[in-house]
Amino acid sequence: MGFWIYMLLMDLLIPLIMLGFGWYFSKGGPRDINGVFGYRTSMSMKNGETWEFAHRHCGKIWRVWGLVMAPLSAVPMLFALGKGEDAVGTVGGIVCGVQLIVLIGSIFPTERALKRNFDEEGRRR
């Protein structure tokens, strides 16, 4: 039971992080463009306007998907309740893998939105 609780908490970690950073990013994210923290792509780092736009857009996506993924992550773990450690670990790993796909997948709509709203030099269309 202890390993199951541990895996449940670990599987809720990514959605909760997405919710927290989604809220922070939707407020504009880090004030200064930097190479260490924030939504860092070549397009988002063109200027302050693209930086803030990218964070606001990605933040909205993360908030929505964090809210969706939190309960959806717990459901598969309920099916593993009472099973052996191998089954719990496998289910938890699959859930985490799906979460990572969603997390990384948020780059694509954000980059599309940047390209729709800004030219290659970072000027608003």
Protein backbone atom coordinates (compact mmCIF):
# COMPACT_ATOMS: atom_id res chain seq x y z
CA MET A 1 0.00 0.00 0.00
CA GLY A 2 2.89 2.36 0.74
CA PHE A 3 4.29 2.06 -2.78
CA TRP A 4 0.84 2.65 -4.25
CA ILE A 5 0.47 5.89 -2.25
CA TYR A 6 3.96 6.96 -3.33
CA MET A 7 3.16 6.31 -7.02
CA LEU A 8 -0.18 8.14 -6.74
CA LEU A 9 1.59 11.17 -5.28
CA MET A 10 4.27 11.03 -7.97
CA ASP A 11 1.63 10.78 -10.69
CA LEU A 12 -0.13 13.84 -9.29
CA LEU A 13 3.10 15.81 -9.23
CA ILE A 14 3.21 16.76 -12.94
CA PRO A 15 -0.43 17.96 -13.07
CA LEU A 16 0.06 19.97 -9.87
CA ILE A 17 3.27 21.51 -11.22
CA MET A 18 1.43 22.36 -14.45
CA LEU A 19 -1.32 24.02 -12.42
CA GLY A 20 1.12 26.04 -10.32
CA PHE A 21 3.39 27.15 -13.14
CA GLY A 22 0.37 27.58 -15.42
CA TRP A 23 -1.04 30.09 -12.97
CA TYR A 24 2.34 31.84 -12.66
CA PHE A 25 2.95 31.86 -16.42
CA SER A 26 -0.57 33.09 -17.21
CA LYS A 27 0.28 36.17 -15.15
CA GLY A 28 3.20 36.84 -17.51
CA GLY A 29 5.88 34.52 -16.15
CA PRO A 30 9.42 35.66 -15.39
CA ARG A 31 9.83 39.40 -15.94
CA ASP A 32 13.20 39.21 -17.70
CA ILE A 33 14.10 37.07 -20.68
CA ASN A 34 16.60 34.52 -19.46
CA GLY A 35 18.07 31.21 -20.51
CA VAL A 36 17.42 29.44 -17.22
CA PHE A 37 13.75 29.66 -16.25
CA GLY A 38 10.58 30.01 -18.26
CA TYR A 39 9.18 29.07 -21.64
CA ARG A 40 12.44 29.30 -23.58
CA THR A 41 12.33 28.88 -27.35
CA SER A 42 14.03 31.00 -29.99
CA MET A 43 10.70 32.60 -30.89
CA SER A 44 9.62 33.31 -27.32
CA MET A 45 12.98 34.95 -26.53
CA LYS A 46 12.91 37.44 -29.45
CA ASN A 47 11.74 40.33 -27.26
CA GLY A 48 9.70 41.15 -24.17
CA GLU A 49 6.40 41.03 -26.01
CA THR A 50 6.94 37.53 -27.42
CA TRP A 51 8.27 36.39 -24.03
CA GLU A 52 5.16 37.54 -22.19
CA PHE A 53 2.78 36.28 -24.91
CA ALA A 54 4.36 32.81 -24.89
CA HIS A 55 4.13 32.55 -21.11
CA ARG A 56 0.52 33.68 -21.01
CA HIS A 57 -0.47 31.27 -23.78
CA CYS A 58 1.46 28.30 -22.37
CA GLY A 59 0.17 29.13 -18.87
CA LYS A 60 -3.44 28.86 -20.03
CA ILE A 61 -2.74 25.50 -21.65
CA TRP A 62 -0.97 24.18 -18.55
CA ARG A 63 -3.75 25.31 -16.22
CA VAL A 64 -6.42 23.54 -18.29
CA TRP A 65 -4.42 20.36 -18.82
CA GLY A 66 -3.26 20.29 -15.20
CA LEU A 67 -6.89 20.37 -14.08
CA VAL A 68 -7.83 17.66 -16.58
CA MET A 69 -4.86 15.41 -15.88
CA ALA A 70 -5.04 15.44 -12.07
CA PRO A 71 -8.22 13.35 -11.76
CA LEU A 72 -7.44 11.38 -14.92
CA SER A 73 -4.10 10.40 -13.40
CA ALA A 74 -5.71 9.10 -10.24
CA VAL A 75 -8.23 6.85 -12.02
CA PRO A 76 -5.72 4.35 -13.49
CA MET A 77 -4.01 4.16 -10.12
CA LEU A 78 -7.31 3.07 -8.55
CA PHE A 79 -7.26 0.04 -10.84
CA ALA A 80 -3.79 -0.81 -9.53
CA LEU A 81 -4.91 -0.60 -5.89
CA GLY A 82 -4.18 -3.89 -4.13
CA LYS A 83 -1.98 -5.19 -6.95
CA GLY A 84 1.70 -6.03 -6.65
CA GLU A 85 4.52 -3.52 -6.86
CA ASP A 86 5.25 -4.45 -10.46
CA ALA A 87 1.70 -3.66 -11.56
CA VAL A 88 1.59 -0.42 -9.55
CA GLY A 89 4.95 0.67 -10.95
CA THR A 90 3.93 -0.15 -14.51
CA VAL A 91 0.62 1.73 -14.28
CA GLY A 92 2.31 4.68 -12.58
CA GLY A 93 5.03 4.76 -15.22
CA ILE A 94 2.52 4.72 -18.07
CA VAL A 95 0.52 7.53 -16.46
CA CYS A 96 3.71 9.56 -16.02
CA GLY A 97 4.69 8.94 -19.65
CA VAL A 98 1.31 10.18 -20.90
CA GLN A 99 1.63 13.26 -18.69
CA LEU A 100 5.06 14.03 -20.14
CA ILE A 101 3.66 13.78 -23.67
CA VAL A 102 0.97 16.34 -22.77
CA LEU A 103 3.53 18.56 -21.03
CA ILE A 104 5.93 18.55 -23.97
CA GLY A 105 3.04 18.68 -26.44
CA SER A 106 2.06 22.10 -25.11
CA ILE A 107 5.02 23.53 -27.03
CA PHE A 108 3.29 23.00 -30.39
CA PRO A 109 0.15 25.13 -29.87
CA THR A 110 2.21 27.81 -28.15
CA GLU A 111 4.67 28.03 -31.03
CA ARG A 112 1.77 28.10 -33.53
CA ALA A 113 0.20 30.98 -31.60
CA LEU A 114 3.52 32.84 -31.58
CA LYS A 115 3.90 32.42 -35.35
CA ARG A 116 0.30 33.51 -35.89
CA ASN A 117 0.75 36.69 -33.85
CA PHE A 118 4.38 37.65 -34.55
CA ASP A 119 6.65 37.71 -37.60
CA GLU A 120 10.10 36.09 -37.71
CA GLU A 121 11.67 39.19 -36.13
CA GLY A 122 9.25 39.18 -33.21
CA ARG A 123 7.11 42.11 -34.41
CA ARG A 124 3.39 41.80 -33.80
CA ARG A 125 1.34 41.13 -36.93
